[in-house]
Amino acid sequence: MTYQHRELAAGRWNQLSFFEQMANVGTEIGRTITWKAKNRPDYSWRAFERALELLDLTIRDAKNGKRLRELLRVREALADHFAFDNSYQSSDGSWQRYFCPFQIAARADR
């Protein structure tokens, strides 16, 4: 598999805390939303793919095993919102609100 985040996929990702991992996923989701608002679906889609890649690395990280159910549900709901019919009826704002606490916690962790 070819990763866009090669260094992270090679093991550096697992050195980050859970909050840092989710904050990074949230940053890519933020970019997805920003590019969508600027009517740049190509850039938006690439940011979404990067977000999924980081989320998949988070899911594979053994220290997050107890959070697996939530992480898989987040992945499902993100895909539903950005790639499918949005049957869960989430919004860009709800995703920004979901990831914001992770970004605050990651900053506090430093």
PDB file of N, CA and C in Angstrom:
ATOM      1  N   MET A   1       0.844  -1.181   0.000  1.00  0.00           N
ATOM      2  CA  MET A   1       0.000   0.000   0.000  1.00  0.00           C
ATOM      3  C   MET A   1       0.888   1.242   0.000  1.00  0.00           C
ATOM      4  N   THR A   2       0.503   2.221  -0.769  1.00  0.00           N
ATOM      5  CA  THR A   2       1.229   3.480  -0.826  1.00  0.00           C
ATOM      6  C   THR A   2       0.563   4.486   0.107  1.00  0.00           C
ATOM      7  N   TYR A   3       1.345   5.002   1.027  1.00  0.00           N
ATOM      8  CA  TYR A   3       0.837   5.973   1.994  1.00  0.00           C
ATOM      9  C   TYR A   3       1.232   7.379   1.593  1.00  0.00           C
ATOM     10  N   GLN A   4       0.349   8.326   1.826  1.00  0.00           N
ATOM     11  CA  GLN A   4       0.697   9.725   1.634  1.00  0.00           C
ATOM     12  C   GLN A   4       1.549  10.202   2.800  1.00  0.00           C
ATOM     13  N   HIS A   5       1.312   9.638   3.979  1.00  0.00           N
ATOM     14  CA  HIS A   5       2.071   9.966   5.186  1.00  0.00           C
ATOM     15  C   HIS A   5       3.050   8.822   5.468  1.00  0.00           C
ATOM     16  N   ARG A   6       4.079   8.700   4.662  1.00  0.00           N
ATOM     17  CA  ARG A   6       4.987   7.551   4.743  1.00  0.00           C
ATOM     18  C   ARG A   6       5.699   7.452   6.089  1.00  0.00           C
ATOM     19  N   GLU A   7       6.215   8.575   6.586  1.00  0.00           N
ATOM     20  CA  GLU A   7       6.922   8.563   7.869  1.00  0.00           C
ATOM     21  C   GLU A   7       6.004   8.126   8.996  1.00  0.00           C
ATOM     22  N   LEU A   8       4.808   8.643   9.002  1.00  0.00           N
ATOM     23  CA  LEU A   8       3.859   8.289  10.047  1.00  0.00           C
ATOM     24  C   LEU A   8       3.483   6.817   9.958  1.00  0.00           C
ATOM     25  N   ALA A   9       3.259   6.337   8.757  1.00  0.00           N
ATOM     26  CA  ALA A   9       2.876   4.937   8.567  1.00  0.00           C
ATOM     27  C   ALA A   9       4.009   3.991   8.950  1.00  0.00           C
ATOM     28  N   ALA A  10       5.235   4.473   8.887  1.00  0.00           N
ATOM     29  CA  ALA A  10       6.393   3.634   9.213  1.00  0.00           C
ATOM     30  C   ALA A  10       6.566   3.452  10.721  1.00  0.00           C
ATOM     31  N   GLY A  11       5.716   4.037  11.527  1.00  0.00           N
ATOM     32  CA  GLY A  11       5.782   3.810  12.964  1.00  0.00           C
ATOM     33  C   GLY A  11       5.716   5.059  13.815  1.00  0.00           C
ATOM     34  N   ARG A  12       6.018   6.193  13.247  1.00  0.00           N
ATOM     35  CA  ARG A  12       5.998   7.432  14.035  1.00  0.00           C
ATOM     36  C   ARG A  12       4.600   7.762  14.546  1.00  0.00           C
ATOM     37  N   TRP A  13       3.579   7.358  13.808  1.00  0.00           N
ATOM     38  CA  TRP A  13       2.196   7.636  14.204  1.00  0.00           C
ATOM     39  C   TRP A  13       1.890   7.027  15.568  1.00  0.00           C
ATOM     40  N   ASN A  14       2.382   5.830  15.810  1.00  0.00           N
ATOM     41  CA  ASN A  14       2.103   5.142  17.067  1.00  0.00           C
ATOM     42  C   ASN A  14       2.771   5.814  18.260  1.00  0.00           C
ATOM     43  N   GLN A  15       3.718   6.701  18.023  1.00  0.00           N
ATOM     44  CA  GLN A  15       4.378   7.424  19.106  1.00  0.00           C
ATOM     45  C   GLN A  15       3.547   8.618  19.569  1.00  0.00           C
ATOM     46  N   LEU A  16       2.594   9.037  18.756  1.00  0.00           N
ATOM     47  CA  LEU A  16       1.727  10.154  19.127  1.00  0.00           C
ATOM     48  C   LEU A  16       0.660   9.677  20.101  1.00  0.00           C
ATOM     49  N   SER A  17       0.209  10.583  20.961  1.00  0.00           N
ATOM     50  CA  SER A  17      -0.899  10.242  21.855  1.00  0.00           C
ATOM     51  C   SER A  17      -2.182  10.107  21.039  1.00  0.00           C
ATOM     52  N   PHE A  18      -3.172   9.493  21.640  1.00  0.00           N
ATOM     53  CA  PHE A  18      -4.466   9.359  20.977  1.00  0.00           C
ATOM     54  C   PHE A  18      -5.026  10.735  20.617  1.00  0.00           C
ATOM     55  N   PHE A  19      -4.890  11.695  21.543  1.00  0.00           N
ATOM     56  CA  PHE A  19      -5.405  13.047  21.275  1.00  0.00           C
ATOM     57  C   PHE A  19      -4.679  13.690  20.101  1.00  0.00           C
ATOM     58  N   GLU A  20      -3.367  13.501  20.013  1.00  0.00           N
ATOM     59  CA  GLU A  20      -2.611  14.057  18.885  1.00  0.00           C
ATOM     60  C   GLU A  20      -3.035  13.399  17.575  1.00  0.00           C
ATOM     61  N   GLN A  21      -3.240  12.095  17.613  1.00  0.00           N
ATOM     62  CA  GLN A  21      -3.682  11.393  16.411  1.00  0.00           C
ATOM     63  C   GLN A  21      -5.025  11.939  15.929  1.00  0.00           C
ATOM     64  N   MET A  22      -5.978  12.039  16.835  1.00  0.00           N
ATOM     65  CA  MET A  22      -7.309  12.505  16.444  1.00  0.00           C
ATOM     66  C   MET A  22      -7.295  13.979  16.047  1.00  0.00           C
ATOM     67  N   ALA A  23      -6.434  14.776  16.671  1.00  0.00           N
ATOM     68  CA  ALA A  23      -6.315  16.184  16.276  1.00  0.00           C
ATOM     69  C   ALA A  23      -5.814  16.293  14.845  1.00  0.00           C
ATOM     70  N   ASN A  24      -4.881  15.422  14.463  1.00  0.00           N
ATOM     71  CA  ASN A  24      -4.372  15.426  13.091  1.00  0.00           C
ATOM     72  C   ASN A  24      -5.441  14.980  12.103  1.00  0.00           C
ATOM     73  N   VAL A  25      -6.223  13.990  12.469  1.00  0.00           N
ATOM     74  CA  VAL A  25      -7.348  13.584  11.618  1.00  0.00           C
ATOM     75  C   VAL A  25      -8.298  14.772  11.464  1.00  0.00           C
ATOM     76  N   GLY A  26      -8.583  15.444  12.574  1.00  0.00           N
ATOM     77  CA  GLY A  26      -9.476  16.600  12.552  1.00  0.00           C
ATOM     78  C   GLY A  26      -8.963  17.729  11.678  1.00  0.00           C
ATOM     79  N   THR A  27      -7.647  17.910  11.661  1.00  0.00           N
ATOM     80  CA  THR A  27      -7.066  18.943  10.802  1.00  0.00           C
ATOM     81  C   THR A  27      -7.339  18.638   9.334  1.00  0.00           C
ATOM     82  N   GLU A  28      -7.186  17.383   8.949  1.00  0.00           N
ATOM     83  CA  GLU A  28      -7.466  17.004   7.560  1.00  0.00           C
ATOM     84  C   GLU A  28      -8.954  17.126   7.236  1.00  0.00           C
ATOM     85  N   ILE A  29      -9.809  16.807   8.206  1.00  0.00           N
ATOM     86  CA  ILE A  29     -11.251  16.997   7.987  1.00  0.00           C
ATOM     87  C   ILE A  29     -11.550  18.481   7.838  1.00  0.00           C
ATOM     88  N   GLY A  30     -10.889  19.315   8.620  1.00  0.00           N
ATOM     89  CA  GLY A  30     -11.050  20.763   8.470  1.00  0.00           C
ATOM     90  C   GLY A  30     -10.663  21.233   7.081  1.00  0.00           C
ATOM     91  N   ARG A  31      -9.566  20.682   6.564  1.00  0.00           N
ATOM     92  CA  ARG A  31      -9.151  21.021   5.200  1.00  0.00           C
ATOM     93  C   ARG A  31     -10.172  20.535   4.180  1.00  0.00           C
ATOM     94  N   THR A  32     -10.720  19.359   4.423  1.00  0.00           N
ATOM     95  CA  THR A  32     -11.757  18.824   3.536  1.00  0.00           C
ATOM     96  C   THR A  32     -12.927  19.799   3.452  1.00  0.00           C
ATOM     97  N   ILE A  33     -13.360  20.282   4.596  1.00  0.00           N
ATOM     98  CA  ILE A  33     -14.491  21.206   4.664  1.00  0.00           C
ATOM     99  C   ILE A  33     -14.141  22.542   4.015  1.00  0.00           C
ATOM    100  N   THR A  34     -12.948  23.041   4.296  1.00  0.00           N
ATOM    101  CA  THR A  34     -12.528  24.328   3.737  1.00  0.00           C
ATOM    102  C   THR A  34     -12.482  24.278   2.221  1.00  0.00           C
ATOM    103  N   TRP A  35     -11.873  23.229   1.670  1.00  0.00           N
ATOM    104  CA  TRP A  35     -11.784  23.125   0.204  1.00  0.00           C
ATOM    105  C   TRP A  35     -13.161  22.917  -0.424  1.00  0.00           C
ATOM    106  N   LYS A  36     -14.021  22.191   0.274  1.00  0.00           N
ATOM    107  CA  LYS A  36     -15.388  22.010  -0.236  1.00  0.00           C
ATOM    108  C   LYS A  36     -16.095  23.364  -0.310  1.00  0.00           C
ATOM    109  N   ALA A  37     -15.924  24.191   0.729  1.00  0.00           N
ATOM    110  CA  ALA A  37     -16.554  25.518   0.756  1.00  0.00           C
ATOM    111  C   ALA A  37     -16.000  26.431  -0.339  1.00  0.00           C
ATOM    112  N   LYS A  38     -14.745  26.202  -0.730  1.00  0.00           N
ATOM    113  CA  LYS A  38     -14.126  26.996  -1.791  1.00  0.00           C
ATOM    114  C   LYS A  38     -14.406  26.418  -3.175  1.00  0.00           C
ATOM    115  N   ASN A  39     -15.298  25.417  -3.207  1.00  0.00           N
ATOM    116  CA  ASN A  39     -15.687  24.773  -4.462  1.00  0.00           C
ATOM    117  C   ASN A  39     -14.484  24.159  -5.187  1.00  0.00           C
ATOM    118  N   ARG A  40     -13.635  23.492  -4.415  1.00  0.00           N
ATOM    119  CA  ARG A  40     -12.486  22.767  -4.966  1.00  0.00           C
ATOM    120  C   ARG A  40     -12.607  21.295  -4.589  1.00  0.00           C
ATOM    121  N   PRO A  41     -13.512  20.575  -5.266  1.00  0.00           N
ATOM    122  CA  PRO A  41     -13.752  19.179  -4.880  1.00  0.00           C
ATOM    123  C   PRO A  41     -12.521  18.292  -5.004  1.00  0.00           C
ATOM    124  N   ASP A  42     -11.614  18.596  -5.917  1.00  0.00           N
ATOM    125  CA  ASP A  42     -10.404  17.796  -6.068  1.00  0.00           C
ATOM    126  C   ASP A  42      -9.527  17.898  -4.825  1.00  0.00           C
ATOM    127  N   TYR A  43      -9.304  19.105  -4.335  1.00  0.00           N
ATOM    128  CA  TYR A  43      -8.502  19.303  -3.124  1.00  0.00           C
ATOM    129  C   TYR A  43      -9.231  18.752  -1.902  1.00  0.00           C
ATOM    130  N   SER A  44     -10.542  18.939  -1.869  1.00  0.00           N
ATOM    131  CA  SER A  44     -11.341  18.444  -0.764  1.00  0.00           C
ATOM    132  C   SER A  44     -11.244  16.913  -0.673  1.00  0.00           C
ATOM    133  N   TRP A  45     -11.338  16.265  -1.797  1.00  0.00           N
ATOM    134  CA  TRP A  45     -11.281  14.798  -1.810  1.00  0.00           C
ATOM    135  C   TRP A  45      -9.915  14.293  -1.360  1.00  0.00           C
ATOM    136  N   ARG A  46      -8.862  14.968  -1.800  1.00  0.00           N
ATOM    137  CA  ARG A  46      -7.508  14.552  -1.371  1.00  0.00           C
ATOM    138  C   ARG A  46      -7.326  14.717   0.133  1.00  0.00           C
ATOM    139  N   ALA A  47      -7.846  15.801   0.685  1.00  0.00           N
ATOM    140  CA  ALA A  47      -7.765  16.000   2.136  1.00  0.00           C
ATOM    141  C   ALA A  47      -8.571  14.920   2.865  1.00  0.00           C
ATOM    142  N   PHE A  48      -9.716  14.565   2.306  1.00  0.00           N
ATOM    143  CA  PHE A  48     -10.532  13.509   2.907  1.00  0.00           C
ATOM    144  C   PHE A  48      -9.794  12.168   2.874  1.00  0.00           C
ATOM    145  N   GLU A  49      -9.141  11.875   1.771  1.00  0.00           N
ATOM    146  CA  GLU A  49      -8.361  10.634   1.688  1.00  0.00           C
ATOM    147  C   GLU A  49      -7.239  10.619   2.726  1.00  0.00           C
ATOM    148  N   ARG A  50      -6.579  11.764   2.925  1.00  0.00           N
ATOM    149  CA  ARG A  50      -5.531  11.846   3.946  1.00  0.00           C
ATOM    150  C   ARG A  50      -6.115  11.636   5.343  1.00  0.00           C
ATOM    151  N   ALA A  51      -7.304  12.201   5.578  1.00  0.00           N
ATOM    152  CA  ALA A  51      -7.963  12.016   6.877  1.00  0.00           C
ATOM    153  C   ALA A  51      -8.264  10.539   7.125  1.00  0.00           C
ATOM    154  N   LEU A  52      -8.775   9.860   6.109  1.00  0.00           N
ATOM    155  CA  LEU A  52      -9.064   8.432   6.266  1.00  0.00           C
ATOM    156  C   LEU A  52      -7.786   7.633   6.499  1.00  0.00           C
ATOM    157  N   GLU A  53      -6.726   7.999   5.807  1.00  0.00           N
ATOM    158  CA  GLU A  53      -5.457   7.301   6.007  1.00  0.00           C
ATOM    159  C   GLU A  53      -4.988   7.448   7.459  1.00  0.00           C
ATOM    160  N   LEU A  54      -5.048   8.654   7.987  1.00  0.00           N
ATOM    161  CA  LEU A  54      -4.638   8.876   9.376  1.00  0.00           C
ATOM    162  C   LEU A  54      -5.574   8.164  10.350  1.00  0.00           C
ATOM    163  N   LEU A  55      -6.858   8.171  10.052  1.00  0.00           N
ATOM    164  CA  LEU A  55      -7.804   7.461  10.904  1.00  0.00           C
ATOM    165  C   LEU A  55      -7.532   5.952  10.875  1.00  0.00           C
ATOM    166  N   ASP A  56      -7.208   5.426   9.702  1.00  0.00           N
ATOM    167  CA  ASP A  56      -6.876   3.998   9.608  1.00  0.00           C
ATOM    168  C   ASP A  56      -5.622   3.664  10.418  1.00  0.00           C
ATOM    169  N   LEU A  57      -4.635   4.562  10.408  1.00  0.00           N
ATOM    170  CA  LEU A  57      -3.435   4.347  11.229  1.00  0.00           C
ATOM    171  C   LEU A  57      -3.794   4.376  12.716  1.00  0.00           C
ATOM    172  N   THR A  58      -4.715   5.246  13.086  1.00  0.00           N
ATOM    173  CA  THR A  58      -5.180   5.331  14.472  1.00  0.00           C
ATOM    174  C   THR A  58      -5.900   4.049  14.859  1.00  0.00           C
ATOM    175  N   ILE A  59      -6.711   3.533  13.964  1.00  0.00           N
ATOM    176  CA  ILE A  59      -7.445   2.289  14.218  1.00  0.00           C
ATOM    177  C   ILE A  59      -6.478   1.131  14.411  1.00  0.00           C
ATOM    178  N   ARG A  60      -5.398   1.097  13.642  1.00  0.00           N
ATOM    179  CA  ARG A  60      -4.418   0.003  13.723  1.00  0.00           C
ATOM    180  C   ARG A  60      -3.488   0.102  14.927  1.00  0.00           C
ATOM    181  N   ASP A  61      -3.428   1.258  15.557  1.00  0.00           N
ATOM    182  CA  ASP A  61      -2.537   1.457  16.695  1.00  0.00           C
ATOM    183  C   ASP A  61      -3.061   0.654  17.890  1.00  0.00           C
ATOM    184  N   ALA A  62      -2.251  -0.260  18.395  1.00  0.00           N
ATOM    185  CA  ALA A  62      -2.677  -1.177  19.454  1.00  0.00           C
ATOM    186  C   ALA A  62      -3.139  -0.459  20.720  1.00  0.00           C
ATOM    187  N   LYS A  63      -2.560   0.698  21.013  1.00  0.00           N
ATOM    188  CA  LYS A  63      -2.948   1.387  22.250  1.00  0.00           C
ATOM    189  C   LYS A  63      -4.388   1.908  22.203  1.00  0.00           C
ATOM    190  N   ASN A  64      -4.979   1.944  21.023  1.00  0.00           N
ATOM    191  CA  ASN A  64      -6.335   2.445  20.867  1.00  0.00           C
ATOM    192  C   ASN A  64      -7.380   1.334  20.810  1.00  0.00           C
ATOM    193  N   GLY A  65      -7.004   0.145  21.188  1.00  0.00           N
ATOM    194  CA  GLY A  65      -7.907  -1.000  21.111  1.00  0.00           C
ATOM    195  C   GLY A  65      -9.226  -0.806  21.836  1.00  0.00           C
ATOM    196  N   LYS A  66      -9.190  -0.142  22.985  1.00  0.00           N
ATOM    197  CA  LYS A  66     -10.425   0.071  23.751  1.00  0.00           C
ATOM    198  C   LYS A  66     -11.343   1.095  23.089  1.00  0.00           C
ATOM    199  N   ARG A  67     -10.792   1.827  22.140  1.00  0.00           N
ATOM    200  CA  ARG A  67     -11.570   2.855  21.436  1.00  0.00           C
ATOM    201  C   ARG A  67     -11.994   2.398  20.039  1.00  0.00           C
ATOM    202  N   LEU A  68     -11.752   1.152  19.735  1.00  0.00           N
ATOM    203  CA  LEU A  68     -11.961   0.647  18.379  1.00  0.00           C
ATOM    204  C   LEU A  68     -13.389   0.864  17.892  1.00  0.00           C
ATOM    205  N   ARG A  69     -14.370   0.608  18.730  1.00  0.00           N
ATOM    206  CA  ARG A  69     -15.769   0.762  18.311  1.00  0.00           C
ATOM    207  C   ARG A  69     -16.053   2.209  17.891  1.00  0.00           C
ATOM    208  N   GLU A  70     -15.614   3.160  18.713  1.00  0.00           N
ATOM    209  CA  GLU A  70     -15.838   4.572  18.376  1.00  0.00           C
ATOM    210  C   GLU A  70     -15.104   4.946  17.098  1.00  0.00           C
ATOM    211  N   LEU A  71     -13.857   4.503  16.972  1.00  0.00           N
ATOM    212  CA  LEU A  71     -13.064   4.864  15.792  1.00  0.00           C
ATOM    213  C   LEU A  71     -13.684   4.320  14.509  1.00  0.00           C
ATOM    214  N   LEU A  72     -14.163   3.094  14.565  1.00  0.00           N
ATOM    215  CA  LEU A  72     -14.803   2.513  13.376  1.00  0.00           C
ATOM    216  C   LEU A  72     -16.114   3.217  13.054  1.00  0.00           C
ATOM    217  N   ARG A  73     -16.843   3.631  14.078  1.00  0.00           N
ATOM    218  CA  ARG A  73     -18.083   4.367  13.843  1.00  0.00           C
ATOM    219  C   ARG A  73     -17.791   5.742  13.249  1.00  0.00           C
ATOM    220  N   VAL A  74     -16.742   6.389  13.738  1.00  0.00           N
ATOM    221  CA  VAL A  74     -16.343   7.685  13.183  1.00  0.00           C
ATOM    222  C   VAL A  74     -15.993   7.532  11.713  1.00  0.00           C
ATOM    223  N   ARG A  75     -15.236   6.486  11.377  1.00  0.00           N
ATOM    224  CA  ARG A  75     -14.852   6.259   9.983  1.00  0.00           C
ATOM    225  C   ARG A  75     -16.089   6.057   9.107  1.00  0.00           C
ATOM    226  N   GLU A  76     -17.018   5.251   9.614  1.00  0.00           N
ATOM    227  CA  GLU A  76     -18.258   4.991   8.871  1.00  0.00           C
ATOM    228  C   GLU A  76     -19.048   6.282   8.647  1.00  0.00           C
ATOM    229  N   ALA A  77     -19.176   7.079   9.697  1.00  0.00           N
ATOM    230  CA  ALA A  77     -19.963   8.308   9.596  1.00  0.00           C
ATOM    231  C   ALA A  77     -19.274   9.355   8.724  1.00  0.00           C
ATOM    232  N   LEU A  78     -17.942   9.428   8.782  1.00  0.00           N
ATOM    233  CA  LEU A  78     -17.212  10.347   7.901  1.00  0.00           C
ATOM    234  C   LEU A  78     -17.418   9.964   6.438  1.00  0.00           C
ATOM    235  N   ALA A  79     -17.279   8.681   6.149  1.00  0.00           N
ATOM    236  CA  ALA A  79     -17.490   8.215   4.774  1.00  0.00           C
ATOM    237  C   ALA A  79     -18.921   8.511   4.321  1.00  0.00           C
ATOM    238  N   ASP A  80     -19.877   8.291   5.223  1.00  0.00           N
ATOM    239  CA  ASP A  80     -21.269   8.572   4.892  1.00  0.00           C
ATOM    240  C   ASP A  80     -21.459  10.051   4.550  1.00  0.00           C
ATOM    241  N   HIS A  81     -20.848  10.925   5.340  1.00  0.00           N
ATOM    242  CA  HIS A  81     -21.032  12.367   5.144  1.00  0.00           C
ATOM    243  C   HIS A  81     -20.328  12.879   3.889  1.00  0.00           C
ATOM    244  N   PHE A  82     -19.068  12.495   3.712  1.00  0.00           N
ATOM    245  CA  PHE A  82     -18.270  13.097   2.639  1.00  0.00           C
ATOM    246  C   PHE A  82     -18.287  12.310   1.324  1.00  0.00           C
ATOM    247  N   ALA A  83     -18.632  11.024   1.359  1.00  0.00           N
ATOM    248  CA  ALA A  83     -18.544  10.231   0.133  1.00  0.00           C
ATOM    249  C   ALA A  83     -19.861   9.593  -0.292  1.00  0.00           C
ATOM    250  N   PHE A  84     -20.825   9.503   0.624  1.00  0.00           N
ATOM    251  CA  PHE A  84     -22.064   8.808   0.280  1.00  0.00           C
ATOM    252  C   PHE A  84     -23.284   9.706   0.492  1.00  0.00           C
ATOM    253  N   ASP A  85     -24.384   9.146   0.949  1.00  0.00           N
ATOM    254  CA  ASP A  85     -25.671   9.835   0.983  1.00  0.00           C
ATOM    255  C   ASP A  85     -25.924  10.681   2.234  1.00  0.00           C
ATOM    256  N   ASN A  86     -25.009  10.671   3.179  1.00  0.00           N
ATOM    257  CA  ASN A  86     -25.181  11.373   4.458  1.00  0.00           C
ATOM    258  C   ASN A  86     -26.470  10.928   5.149  1.00  0.00           C
ATOM    259  N   SER A  87     -26.659   9.623   5.215  1.00  0.00           N
ATOM    260  CA  SER A  87     -27.865   9.084   5.851  1.00  0.00           C
ATOM    261  C   SER A  87     -27.878   9.337   7.360  1.00  0.00           C
ATOM    262  N   TYR A  88     -26.712   9.589   7.961  1.00  0.00           N
ATOM    263  CA  TYR A  88     -26.667   9.936   9.386  1.00  0.00           C
ATOM    264  C   TYR A  88     -26.965  11.414   9.607  1.00  0.00           C
ATOM    265  N   GLN A  89     -27.087  12.161   8.538  1.00  0.00           N
ATOM    266  CA  GLN A  89     -27.428  13.578   8.556  1.00  0.00           C
ATOM    267  C   GLN A  89     -26.468  14.410   9.410  1.00  0.00           C
ATOM    268  N   SER A  90     -25.182  14.105   9.291  1.00  0.00           N
ATOM    269  CA  SER A  90     -24.184  14.929   9.975  1.00  0.00           C
ATOM    270  C   SER A  90     -23.935  16.183   9.130  1.00  0.00           C
ATOM    271  N   SER A  91     -23.267  17.142   9.718  1.00  0.00           N
ATOM    272  CA  SER A  91     -22.983  18.391   9.014  1.00  0.00           C
ATOM    273  C   SER A  91     -21.503  18.711   9.148  1.00  0.00           C
ATOM    274  N   ASP A  92     -21.037  19.619   8.315  1.00  0.00           N
ATOM    275  CA  ASP A  92     -19.644  20.054   8.439  1.00  0.00           C
ATOM    276  C   ASP A  92     -19.402  20.595   9.843  1.00  0.00           C
ATOM    277  N   GLY A  93     -20.342  21.362  10.356  1.00  0.00           N
ATOM    278  CA  GLY A  93     -20.210  21.923  11.702  1.00  0.00           C
ATOM    279  C   GLY A  93     -20.147  20.867  12.785  1.00  0.00           C
ATOM    280  N   SER A  94     -20.923  19.799  12.629  1.00  0.00           N
ATOM    281  CA  SER A  94     -20.886  18.741  13.642  1.00  0.00           C
ATOM    282  C   SER A  94     -19.526  18.042  13.653  1.00  0.00           C
ATOM    283  N   TRP A  95     -18.901  17.923  12.486  1.00  0.00           N
ATOM    284  CA  TRP A  95     -17.568  17.310  12.443  1.00  0.00           C
ATOM    285  C   TRP A  95     -16.523  18.242  13.044  1.00  0.00           C
ATOM    286  N   GLN A  96     -16.661  19.526  12.819  1.00  0.00           N
ATOM    287  CA  GLN A  96     -15.734  20.478  13.436  1.00  0.00           C
ATOM    288  C   GLN A  96     -15.883  20.448  14.953  1.00  0.00           C
ATOM    289  N   ARG A  97     -17.116  20.365  15.448  1.00  0.00           N
ATOM    290  CA  ARG A  97     -17.342  20.289  16.895  1.00  0.00           C
ATOM    291  C   ARG A  97     -16.822  18.971  17.469  1.00  0.00           C
ATOM    292  N   TYR A  98     -16.920  17.886  16.715  1.00  0.00           N
ATOM    293  CA  TYR A  98     -16.440  16.596  17.199  1.00  0.00           C
ATOM    294  C   TYR A  98     -14.915  16.622  17.384  1.00  0.00           C
ATOM    295  N   PHE A  99     -14.193  17.175  16.419  1.00  0.00           N
ATOM    296  CA  PHE A  99     -12.733  17.125  16.478  1.00  0.00           C
ATOM    297  C   PHE A  99     -12.107  18.230  17.323  1.00  0.00           C
ATOM    298  N   CYS A 100     -12.814  19.292  17.594  1.00  0.00           N
ATOM    299  CA  CYS A 100     -12.260  20.421  18.350  1.00  0.00           C
ATOM    300  C   CYS A 100     -11.717  20.010  19.729  1.00  0.00           C
ATOM    301  N   PRO A 101     -12.429  19.226  20.535  1.00  0.00           N
ATOM    302  CA  PRO A 101     -11.869  18.839  21.842  1.00  0.00           C
ATOM    303  C   PRO A 101     -10.552  18.050  21.732  1.00  0.00           C
ATOM    304  N   PHE A 102     -10.395  17.272  20.678  1.00  0.00           N
ATOM    305  CA  PHE A 102      -9.134  16.540  20.495  1.00  0.00           C
ATOM    306  C   PHE A 102      -7.989  17.514  20.257  1.00  0.00           C
ATOM    307  N   GLN A 103      -8.259  18.555  19.500  1.00  0.00           N
ATOM    308  CA  GLN A 103      -7.216  19.546  19.221  1.00  0.00           C
ATOM    309  C   GLN A 103      -6.848  20.303  20.491  1.00  0.00           C
ATOM    310  N   ILE A 104      -7.818  20.625  21.309  1.00  0.00           N
ATOM    311  CA  ILE A 104      -7.547  21.299  22.584  1.00  0.00           C
ATOM    312  C   ILE A 104      -6.762  20.371  23.516  1.00  0.00           C
ATOM    313  N   ALA A 105      -7.177  19.115  23.607  1.00  0.00           N
ATOM    314  CA  ALA A 105      -6.482  18.159  24.476  1.00  0.00           C
ATOM    315  C   ALA A 105      -5.051  17.897  24.000  1.00  0.00           C
ATOM    316  N   ALA A 106      -4.847  17.848  22.686  1.00  0.00           N
ATOM    317  CA  ALA A 106      -3.502  17.609  22.154  1.00  0.00           C
ATOM    318  C   ALA A 106      -2.582  18.770  22.527  1.00  0.00           C
ATOM    319  N   ARG A 107      -3.094  19.995  22.446  1.00  0.00           N
ATOM    320  CA  ARG A 107      -2.289  21.165  22.836  1.00  0.00           C
ATOM    321  C   ARG A 107      -1.977  21.135  24.321  1.00  0.00           C
ATOM    322  N   ALA A 108      -2.938  20.728  25.137  1.00  0.00           N
ATOM    323  CA  ALA A 108      -2.747  20.688  26.589  1.00  0.00           C
ATOM    324  C   ALA A 108      -1.754  19.583  26.983  1.00  0.00           C
ATOM    325  N   ASP A 109      -1.681  18.544  26.156  1.00  0.00           N
ATOM    326  CA  ASP A 109      -0.782  17.403  26.418  1.00  0.00           C
ATOM    327  C   ASP A 109       0.690  17.779  26.258  1.00  0.00           C
ATOM    328  N   ARG A 110       0.968  18.811  25.498  1.00  0.00           N
ATOM    329  CA  ARG A 110       2.364  19.166  25.189  1.00  0.00           C
ATOM    330  C   ARG A 110       3.051  19.742  26.347  1.00  0.00           C
TER     331      ARG A 110
END
